Amino acid sequence: MERMYSELADYWRLISPVQEYEEEAALYAAVLREHATGPLQTLLELGSGGGNNASHLKQHFELTLVDLSDDMLRQSRQLNPEVAHHSGDMRAVRLGREFDAVFIHDAIDHMQTRDDLARAMTTAFLHCRSGGVALLAPDHTQERFAPSTSHGGSDDGARGARYLEWSWDPDPADESAVTDYALMVRDERGSTRVLHDRHVHGLFPRQVWLDTLAAAGFDARARVYEHSGLPEGHELFIGLKP
């Protein structure tokens, strides 16, 4: 598992502050409301990470959160103690109930093969009620990917974290891309560590997203949103369960 989600999980809210998710989460809530048929009360988030989106979405929905990293679930439980949490892999978890909506944020990027993607979408379908909606928010599709760099981080008293993020595609002929992180973390004693963390992501054509959603059983749609809380021309994938 990537270092950011294991040994560096205690620094997650310094690397990725909660307040940066507010506008984005509001958009996701609006998209879900726009497409669901019937009541929209319960929401399952697969790959919920440290719970940053959930901290805003819980104002709108009754949440259930699933993540593969127990370290990230620990962070989320601290932030969202009133929310149900489950340890599980979005490709295989089965909770034995249905929800009005299923949401997968950029954790869907960690599906590195078409089979992984299909398994995650099947999980979403099985947990979505009839008339419900699934919303997937990958960082990129193959058509919209471009190499990029960014940086960020924050402090909390003596503790702090900073990162440089570099996304690139080693082989444009395949369906994956790489994000390398250079991270500096400072503990309570003022001691600083420098680490490298590599994340390999799936990078699929738009039609693969749509076809895989449809194969899982959804009525598949895609929409590009221009919003201050999202990268320019961000494409979301929506699955409506008949």
C-alpha atoms as a PDB file:
ATOM      1  CA  MET A   1       0.000   0.000   0.000  1.00  0.00           C
ATOM      2  CA  GLU A   2       1.187   3.531  -0.758  1.00  0.00           C
ATOM      3  CA  ARG A   3       3.066   5.217   2.101  1.00  0.00           C
ATOM      4  CA  MET A   4       0.635   8.142   2.158  1.00  0.00           C
ATOM      5  CA  TYR A   5      -2.162   5.772   3.241  1.00  0.00           C
ATOM      6  CA  SER A   6      -0.120   3.761   5.741  1.00  0.00           C
ATOM      7  CA  GLU A   7       2.947   5.126   7.537  1.00  0.00           C
ATOM      8  CA  LEU A   8       2.019   8.753   6.714  1.00  0.00           C
ATOM      9  CA  ALA A   9      -1.697   8.450   7.507  1.00  0.00           C
ATOM     10  CA  ASP A  10      -1.260  10.468  10.722  1.00  0.00           C
ATOM     11  CA  TYR A  11      -0.240  13.408   8.529  1.00  0.00           C
ATOM     12  CA  TRP A  12      -3.161  13.034   6.112  1.00  0.00           C
ATOM     13  CA  ARG A  13      -5.152  16.081   7.213  1.00  0.00           C
ATOM     14  CA  LEU A  14      -1.984  18.195   6.993  1.00  0.00           C
ATOM     15  CA  ILE A  15      -1.210  16.905   3.491  1.00  0.00           C
ATOM     16  CA  SER A  16      -4.839  17.232   2.370  1.00  0.00           C
ATOM     17  CA  PRO A  17      -6.773  19.663   4.608  1.00  0.00           C
ATOM     18  CA  VAL A  18     -10.458  18.990   5.199  1.00  0.00           C
ATOM     19  CA  GLN A  19     -11.609  22.485   4.225  1.00  0.00           C
ATOM     20  CA  GLU A  20     -10.294  22.044   0.690  1.00  0.00           C
ATOM     21  CA  TYR A  21     -13.059  19.498   0.015  1.00  0.00           C
ATOM     22  CA  GLU A  22     -16.072  21.664   0.877  1.00  0.00           C
ATOM     23  CA  GLU A  23     -16.931  23.026  -2.585  1.00  0.00           C
ATOM     24  CA  GLU A  24     -16.205  19.727  -4.286  1.00  0.00           C
ATOM     25  CA  ALA A  25     -18.410  17.770  -1.876  1.00  0.00           C
ATOM     26  CA  ALA A  26     -21.249  20.249  -2.399  1.00  0.00           C
ATOM     27  CA  LEU A  27     -21.076  19.624  -6.149  1.00  0.00           C
ATOM     28  CA  TYR A  28     -21.159  15.840  -5.664  1.00  0.00           C
ATOM     29  CA  ALA A  29     -24.207  16.131  -3.408  1.00  0.00           C
ATOM     30  CA  ALA A  30     -25.958  18.235  -6.047  1.00  0.00           C
ATOM     31  CA  VAL A  31     -25.122  15.780  -8.850  1.00  0.00           C
ATOM     32  CA  LEU A  32     -26.465  12.876  -6.807  1.00  0.00           C
ATOM     33  CA  ARG A  33     -29.705  14.739  -6.102  1.00  0.00           C
ATOM     34  CA  GLU A  34     -30.046  15.634  -9.767  1.00  0.00           C
ATOM     35  CA  HIS A  35     -29.950  12.028 -10.939  1.00  0.00           C
ATOM     36  CA  ALA A  36     -31.509   9.873  -8.211  1.00  0.00           C
ATOM     37  CA  THR A  37     -35.105   8.685  -8.501  1.00  0.00           C
ATOM     38  CA  GLY A  38     -36.980   8.583  -5.218  1.00  0.00           C
ATOM     39  CA  PRO A  39     -35.583   9.324  -1.750  1.00  0.00           C
ATOM     40  CA  LEU A  40     -31.899  10.134  -1.365  1.00  0.00           C
ATOM     41  CA  GLN A  41     -30.981   9.565   2.250  1.00  0.00           C
ATOM     42  CA  THR A  42     -28.389   6.784   2.491  1.00  0.00           C
ATOM     43  CA  LEU A  43     -25.006   6.964   0.764  1.00  0.00           C
ATOM     44  CA  LEU A  44     -22.183   4.431   0.584  1.00  0.00           C
ATOM     45  CA  GLU A  45     -18.719   5.828  -0.119  1.00  0.00           C
ATOM     46  CA  LEU A  46     -16.231   3.264  -1.396  1.00  0.00           C
ATOM     47  CA  GLY A  47     -12.564   4.194  -0.957  1.00  0.00           C
ATOM     48  CA  SER A  48     -13.448   6.864   1.596  1.00  0.00           C
ATOM     49  CA  GLY A  49      -9.852   7.388   2.770  1.00  0.00           C
ATOM     50  CA  GLY A  50      -9.378   9.798   5.640  1.00  0.00           C
ATOM     51  CA  GLY A  51     -13.015  10.903   5.507  1.00  0.00           C
ATOM     52  CA  ASN A  52     -12.508  14.419   4.142  1.00  0.00           C
ATOM     53  CA  ASN A  53     -15.374  14.240   1.652  1.00  0.00           C
ATOM     54  CA  ALA A  54     -17.506  12.485   4.246  1.00  0.00           C
ATOM     55  CA  SER A  55     -17.001  15.331   6.723  1.00  0.00           C
ATOM     56  CA  HIS A  56     -19.008  17.531   4.326  1.00  0.00           C
ATOM     57  CA  LEU A  57     -21.345  14.929   2.798  1.00  0.00           C
ATOM     58  CA  LYS A  58     -22.623  13.825   6.211  1.00  0.00           C
ATOM     59  CA  GLN A  59     -24.539  17.104   6.357  1.00  0.00           C
ATOM     60  CA  HIS A  60     -26.637  15.827   3.451  1.00  0.00           C
ATOM     61  CA  PHE A  61     -26.770  12.020   3.793  1.00  0.00           C
ATOM     62  CA  GLU A  62     -26.658   9.119   6.207  1.00  0.00           C
ATOM     63  CA  LEU A  63     -23.213   7.765   5.366  1.00  0.00           C
ATOM     64  CA  THR A  64     -21.506   4.386   5.388  1.00  0.00           C
ATOM     65  CA  LEU A  65     -17.786   4.443   4.614  1.00  0.00           C
ATOM     66  CA  VAL A  66     -15.530   1.665   3.282  1.00  0.00           C
ATOM     67  CA  ASP A  67     -11.762   1.792   2.802  1.00  0.00           C
ATOM     68  CA  LEU A  68      -8.950  -0.694   2.347  1.00  0.00           C
ATOM     69  CA  SER A  69      -6.528   1.104   4.694  1.00  0.00           C
ATOM     70  CA  ASP A  70      -7.137   0.644   8.408  1.00  0.00           C
ATOM     71  CA  ASP A  71      -4.798   3.595   9.037  1.00  0.00           C
ATOM     72  CA  MET A  72      -6.967   5.887   6.926  1.00  0.00           C
ATOM     73  CA  LEU A  73     -10.129   4.532   8.544  1.00  0.00           C
ATOM     74  CA  ARG A  74      -8.653   5.486  11.905  1.00  0.00           C
ATOM     75  CA  GLN A  75      -8.234   9.056  10.653  1.00  0.00           C
ATOM     76  CA  SER A  76     -11.789   9.086   9.353  1.00  0.00           C
ATOM     77  CA  ARG A  77     -13.249   7.760  12.604  1.00  0.00           C
ATOM     78  CA  GLN A  78     -11.576  10.626  14.467  1.00  0.00           C
ATOM     79  CA  LEU A  79     -13.103  13.124  12.025  1.00  0.00           C
ATOM     80  CA  ASN A  80     -16.489  11.411  11.604  1.00  0.00           C
ATOM     81  CA  PRO A  81     -17.176   9.442  14.805  1.00  0.00           C
ATOM     82  CA  GLU A  82     -20.924   9.346  14.167  1.00  0.00           C
ATOM     83  CA  VAL A  83     -20.536   7.578  10.796  1.00  0.00           C
ATOM     84  CA  ALA A  84     -20.406   3.799  10.168  1.00  0.00           C
ATOM     85  CA  HIS A  85     -16.996   2.587   8.950  1.00  0.00           C
ATOM     86  CA  HIS A  86     -16.030  -0.749   7.396  1.00  0.00           C
ATOM     87  CA  SER A  87     -12.674  -2.148   6.331  1.00  0.00           C
ATOM     88  CA  GLY A  88     -12.871  -3.552   2.818  1.00  0.00           C
ATOM     89  CA  ASP A  89     -11.706  -3.556  -0.793  1.00  0.00           C
ATOM     90  CA  MET A  90     -14.109  -1.839  -3.207  1.00  0.00           C
ATOM     91  CA  ARG A  91     -13.526  -4.685  -5.666  1.00  0.00           C
ATOM     92  CA  ALA A  92     -14.853  -7.327  -3.297  1.00  0.00           C
ATOM     93  CA  VAL A  93     -16.638  -5.894  -0.239  1.00  0.00           C
ATOM     94  CA  ARG A  94     -20.237  -7.005   0.296  1.00  0.00           C
ATOM     95  CA  LEU A  95     -22.225  -5.321   3.071  1.00  0.00           C
ATOM     96  CA  GLY A  96     -25.487  -7.154   2.456  1.00  0.00           C
ATOM     97  CA  ARG A  97     -27.640  -4.039   2.026  1.00  0.00           C
ATOM     98  CA  GLU A  98     -28.546  -1.428  -0.579  1.00  0.00           C
ATOM     99  CA  PHE A  99     -28.157   2.340  -0.480  1.00  0.00           C
ATOM    100  CA  ASP A 100     -29.857   5.222  -2.251  1.00  0.00           C
ATOM    101  CA  ALA A 101     -26.499   6.266  -3.711  1.00  0.00           C
ATOM    102  CA  VAL A 102     -22.943   4.988  -4.059  1.00  0.00           C
ATOM    103  CA  PHE A 103     -20.036   7.404  -4.379  1.00  0.00           C
ATOM    104  CA  ILE A 104     -16.427   6.705  -5.357  1.00  0.00           C
ATOM    105  CA  HIS A 105     -14.089   9.695  -5.371  1.00  0.00           C
ATOM    106  CA  ASP A 106     -10.541   9.606  -6.771  1.00  0.00           C
ATOM    107  CA  ALA A 107      -9.908   6.267  -5.031  1.00  0.00           C
ATOM    108  CA  ILE A 108     -11.320   4.793  -8.249  1.00  0.00           C
ATOM    109  CA  ASP A 109      -8.026   5.833  -9.888  1.00  0.00           C
ATOM    110  CA  HIS A 110      -6.337   3.020  -7.982  1.00  0.00           C
ATOM    111  CA  MET A 111      -8.109   0.489 -10.184  1.00  0.00           C
ATOM    112  CA  GLN A 112      -5.145  -0.302 -12.441  1.00  0.00           C
ATOM    113  CA  THR A 113      -6.816  -2.733 -14.861  1.00  0.00           C
ATOM    114  CA  ARG A 114     -10.147  -2.945 -16.653  1.00  0.00           C
ATOM    115  CA  ASP A 115     -10.966  -5.993 -14.535  1.00  0.00           C
ATOM    116  CA  ASP A 116     -10.348  -3.990 -11.332  1.00  0.00           C
ATOM    117  CA  LEU A 117     -12.595  -1.240 -12.669  1.00  0.00           C
ATOM    118  CA  ALA A 118     -15.345  -3.713 -13.553  1.00  0.00           C
ATOM    119  CA  ARG A 119     -15.222  -5.323 -10.111  1.00  0.00           C
ATOM    120  CA  ALA A 120     -15.521  -1.942  -8.378  1.00  0.00           C
ATOM    121  CA  MET A 121     -18.507  -1.014 -10.543  1.00  0.00           C
ATOM    122  CA  THR A 122     -20.152  -4.362  -9.793  1.00  0.00           C
ATOM    123  CA  THR A 123     -19.749  -3.631  -6.085  1.00  0.00           C
ATOM    124  CA  ALA A 124     -21.402  -0.261  -6.623  1.00  0.00           C
ATOM    125  CA  PHE A 125     -24.279  -1.846  -8.548  1.00  0.00           C
ATOM    126  CA  LEU A 126     -24.928  -4.530  -5.941  1.00  0.00           C
ATOM    127  CA  HIS A 127     -25.093  -1.922  -3.172  1.00  0.00           C
ATOM    128  CA  CYS A 128     -27.312   0.526  -5.075  1.00  0.00           C
ATOM    129  CA  ARG A 129     -31.102   0.305  -4.809  1.00  0.00           C
ATOM    130  CA  SER A 130     -33.351   0.330  -7.851  1.00  0.00           C
ATOM    131  CA  GLY A 131     -33.756   3.943  -8.914  1.00  0.00           C
ATOM    132  CA  GLY A 132     -30.560   4.852  -7.081  1.00  0.00           C
ATOM    133  CA  VAL A 133     -27.437   6.441  -8.479  1.00  0.00           C
ATOM    134  CA  ALA A 134     -23.701   5.772  -8.501  1.00  0.00           C
ATOM    135  CA  LEU A 135     -21.248   8.639  -8.950  1.00  0.00           C
ATOM    136  CA  LEU A 136     -17.597   8.076  -9.904  1.00  0.00           C
ATOM    137  CA  ALA A 137     -15.128  10.953  -9.874  1.00  0.00           C
ATOM    138  CA  PRO A 138     -11.762   9.926 -11.360  1.00  0.00           C
ATOM    139  CA  ASP A 139      -9.049  12.557 -11.610  1.00  0.00           C
ATOM    140  CA  HIS A 140      -8.516  11.849 -15.311  1.00  0.00           C
ATOM    141  CA  THR A 141      -9.706  10.025 -18.360  1.00  0.00           C
ATOM    142  CA  GLN A 142      -7.164   9.045 -20.986  1.00  0.00           C
ATOM    143  CA  GLU A 143      -8.379  11.782 -23.326  1.00  0.00           C
ATOM    144  CA  ARG A 144      -8.075  14.518 -20.712  1.00  0.00           C
ATOM    145  CA  PHE A 145      -4.815  13.512 -19.067  1.00  0.00           C
ATOM    146  CA  ALA A 146      -1.852  15.867 -19.257  1.00  0.00           C
ATOM    147  CA  PRO A 147       1.386  15.798 -17.235  1.00  0.00           C
ATOM    148  CA  SER A 148       1.189  18.188 -14.302  1.00  0.00           C
ATOM    149  CA  THR A 149       2.808  19.284 -11.074  1.00  0.00           C
ATOM    150  CA  SER A 150       1.315  20.754  -7.920  1.00  0.00           C
ATOM    151  CA  HIS A 151       2.272  21.320  -4.316  1.00  0.00           C
ATOM    152  CA  GLY A 152       0.652  21.877  -0.961  1.00  0.00           C
ATOM    153  CA  GLY A 153       0.511  21.010   2.708  1.00  0.00           C
ATOM    154  CA  SER A 154      -0.214  22.706   6.019  1.00  0.00           C
ATOM    155  CA  ASP A 155       0.818  22.988   9.676  1.00  0.00           C
ATOM    156  CA  ASP A 156      -0.743  22.126  13.014  1.00  0.00           C
ATOM    157  CA  GLY A 157       1.386  23.655  15.747  1.00  0.00           C
ATOM    158  CA  ALA A 158       4.858  22.143  15.558  1.00  0.00           C
ATOM    159  CA  ARG A 159       3.700  19.405  13.181  1.00  0.00           C
ATOM    160  CA  GLY A 160       3.626  20.029   9.467  1.00  0.00           C
ATOM    161  CA  ALA A 161       3.674  18.456   6.028  1.00  0.00           C
ATOM    162  CA  ARG A 162       4.546  19.639   2.525  1.00  0.00           C
ATOM    163  CA  TYR A 163       4.441  17.805  -0.796  1.00  0.00           C
ATOM    164  CA  LEU A 164       5.400  18.153  -4.429  1.00  0.00           C
ATOM    165  CA  GLU A 165       3.146  16.115  -6.729  1.00  0.00           C
ATOM    166  CA  TRP A 166       4.251  15.147 -10.251  1.00  0.00           C
ATOM    167  CA  SER A 167       1.832  13.256 -12.523  1.00  0.00           C
ATOM    168  CA  TRP A 168       3.157  11.764 -15.751  1.00  0.00           C
ATOM    169  CA  ASP A 169       2.623   8.897 -18.173  1.00  0.00           C
ATOM    170  CA  PRO A 170       5.648   6.625 -18.686  1.00  0.00           C
ATOM    171  CA  ASP A 171       3.967   4.735 -21.555  1.00  0.00           C
ATOM    172  CA  PRO A 172       1.149   6.452 -23.465  1.00  0.00           C
ATOM    173  CA  ALA A 173       0.403   3.136 -25.188  1.00  0.00           C
ATOM    174  CA  ASP A 174      -0.870   1.475 -22.000  1.00  0.00           C
ATOM    175  CA  GLU A 175      -3.716   2.299 -19.614  1.00  0.00           C
ATOM    176  CA  SER A 176      -1.871   3.591 -16.589  1.00  0.00           C
ATOM    177  CA  ALA A 177      -0.134   6.715 -15.330  1.00  0.00           C
ATOM    178  CA  VAL A 178       2.119   7.551 -12.392  1.00  0.00           C
ATOM    179  CA  THR A 179       2.013  10.190  -9.694  1.00  0.00           C
ATOM    180  CA  ASP A 180       5.232  10.666  -7.757  1.00  0.00           C
ATOM    181  CA  TYR A 181       5.180  12.520  -4.448  1.00  0.00           C
ATOM    182  CA  ALA A 182       8.120  14.124  -2.697  1.00  0.00           C
ATOM    183  CA  LEU A 183       6.988  14.596   0.906  1.00  0.00           C
ATOM    184  CA  MET A 184       8.487  16.399   3.890  1.00  0.00           C
ATOM    185  CA  VAL A 185       6.877  15.757   7.268  1.00  0.00           C
ATOM    186  CA  ARG A 186       7.811  17.416  10.559  1.00  0.00           C
ATOM    187  CA  ASP A 187       6.904  15.879  13.909  1.00  0.00           C
ATOM    188  CA  GLU A 188       6.155  17.481  17.281  1.00  0.00           C
ATOM    189  CA  ARG A 189       9.855  17.610  18.170  1.00  0.00           C
ATOM    190  CA  GLY A 190      10.739  19.516  15.000  1.00  0.00           C
ATOM    191  CA  SER A 191      12.405  16.506  13.361  1.00  0.00           C
ATOM    192  CA  THR A 192      11.856  16.446   9.587  1.00  0.00           C
ATOM    193  CA  ARG A 193      11.783  13.452   7.224  1.00  0.00           C
ATOM    194  CA  VAL A 194      11.861  13.456   3.422  1.00  0.00           C
ATOM    195  CA  LEU A 195      10.108  10.589   1.629  1.00  0.00           C
ATOM    196  CA  HIS A 196       9.169   9.475  -1.859  1.00  0.00           C
ATOM    197  CA  ASP A 197       5.821   7.809  -2.594  1.00  0.00           C
ATOM    198  CA  ARG A 198       4.769   6.473  -6.016  1.00  0.00           C
ATOM    199  CA  HIS A 199       1.129   5.912  -6.955  1.00  0.00           C
ATOM    200  CA  VAL A 200       0.249   3.971 -10.123  1.00  0.00           C
ATOM    201  CA  HIS A 201      -3.211   4.783 -11.451  1.00  0.00           C
ATOM    202  CA  GLY A 202      -5.450   3.354 -14.114  1.00  0.00           C
ATOM    203  CA  LEU A 203      -5.918   5.693 -17.081  1.00  0.00           C
ATOM    204  CA  PHE A 204      -8.855   4.553 -19.185  1.00  0.00           C
ATOM    205  CA  PRO A 205     -10.599   6.034 -22.229  1.00  0.00           C
ATOM    206  CA  ARG A 206     -13.951   7.698 -21.614  1.00  0.00           C
ATOM    207  CA  GLN A 207     -15.763   4.947 -23.528  1.00  0.00           C
ATOM    208  CA  VAL A 208     -14.268   2.266 -21.270  1.00  0.00           C
ATOM    209  CA  TRP A 209     -15.770   4.016 -18.243  1.00  0.00           C
ATOM    210  CA  LEU A 210     -19.169   4.153 -19.908  1.00  0.00           C
ATOM    211  CA  ASP A 211     -19.062   0.597 -21.252  1.00  0.00           C
ATOM    212  CA  THR A 212     -17.951  -0.838 -17.905  1.00  0.00           C
ATOM    213  CA  LEU A 213     -20.706   0.964 -16.030  1.00  0.00           C
ATOM    214  CA  ALA A 214     -23.229  -0.356 -18.549  1.00  0.00           C
ATOM    215  CA  ALA A 215     -21.858  -3.904 -18.281  1.00  0.00           C
ATOM    216  CA  ALA A 216     -22.349  -3.745 -14.508  1.00  0.00           C
ATOM    217  CA  GLY A 217     -26.032  -2.994 -15.116  1.00  0.00           C
ATOM    218  CA  PHE A 218     -26.203   0.804 -14.906  1.00  0.00           C
ATOM    219  CA  ASP A 219     -27.629   3.310 -17.342  1.00  0.00           C
ATOM    220  CA  ALA A 220     -24.276   5.055 -17.883  1.00  0.00           C
ATOM    221  CA  ARG A 221     -23.754   8.761 -18.403  1.00  0.00           C
ATOM    222  CA  ALA A 222     -20.833  11.185 -18.380  1.00  0.00           C
ATOM    223  CA  ARG A 223     -20.815  14.920 -17.749  1.00  0.00           C
ATOM    224  CA  VAL A 224     -18.076  17.523 -17.719  1.00  0.00           C
ATOM    225  CA  TYR A 225     -18.332  20.054 -14.906  1.00  0.00           C
ATOM    226  CA  GLU A 226     -16.665  23.438 -14.687  1.00  0.00           C
ATOM    227  CA  HIS A 227     -16.423  24.255 -10.998  1.00  0.00           C
ATOM    228  CA  SER A 228     -13.989  26.186  -8.836  1.00  0.00           C
ATOM    229  CA  GLY A 229     -13.492  23.187  -6.563  1.00  0.00           C
ATOM    230  CA  LEU A 230     -12.479  20.847  -9.406  1.00  0.00           C
ATOM    231  CA  PRO A 231      -9.756  20.650 -12.044  1.00  0.00           C
ATOM    232  CA  GLU A 232     -10.702  22.356 -15.308  1.00  0.00           C
ATOM    233  CA  GLY A 233     -13.047  20.232 -17.410  1.00  0.00           C
ATOM    234  CA  HIS A 234     -13.511  17.537 -14.758  1.00  0.00           C
ATOM    235  CA  GLU A 235     -15.511  14.567 -16.074  1.00  0.00           C
ATOM    236  CA  LEU A 236     -17.831  12.661 -13.761  1.00  0.00           C
ATOM    237  CA  PHE A 237     -19.409   9.291 -14.520  1.00  0.00           C
ATOM    238  CA  ILE A 238     -22.957   8.611 -13.395  1.00  0.00           C
ATOM    239  CA  GLY A 239     -24.674   5.231 -13.226  1.00  0.00           C
ATOM    240  CA  LEU A 240     -28.445   5.041 -12.840  1.00  0.00           C
ATOM    241  CA  LYS A 241     -29.757   1.711 -11.576  1.00  0.00           C
ATOM    242  CA  PRO A 242     -33.014   0.781 -13.349  1.00  0.00           C
END
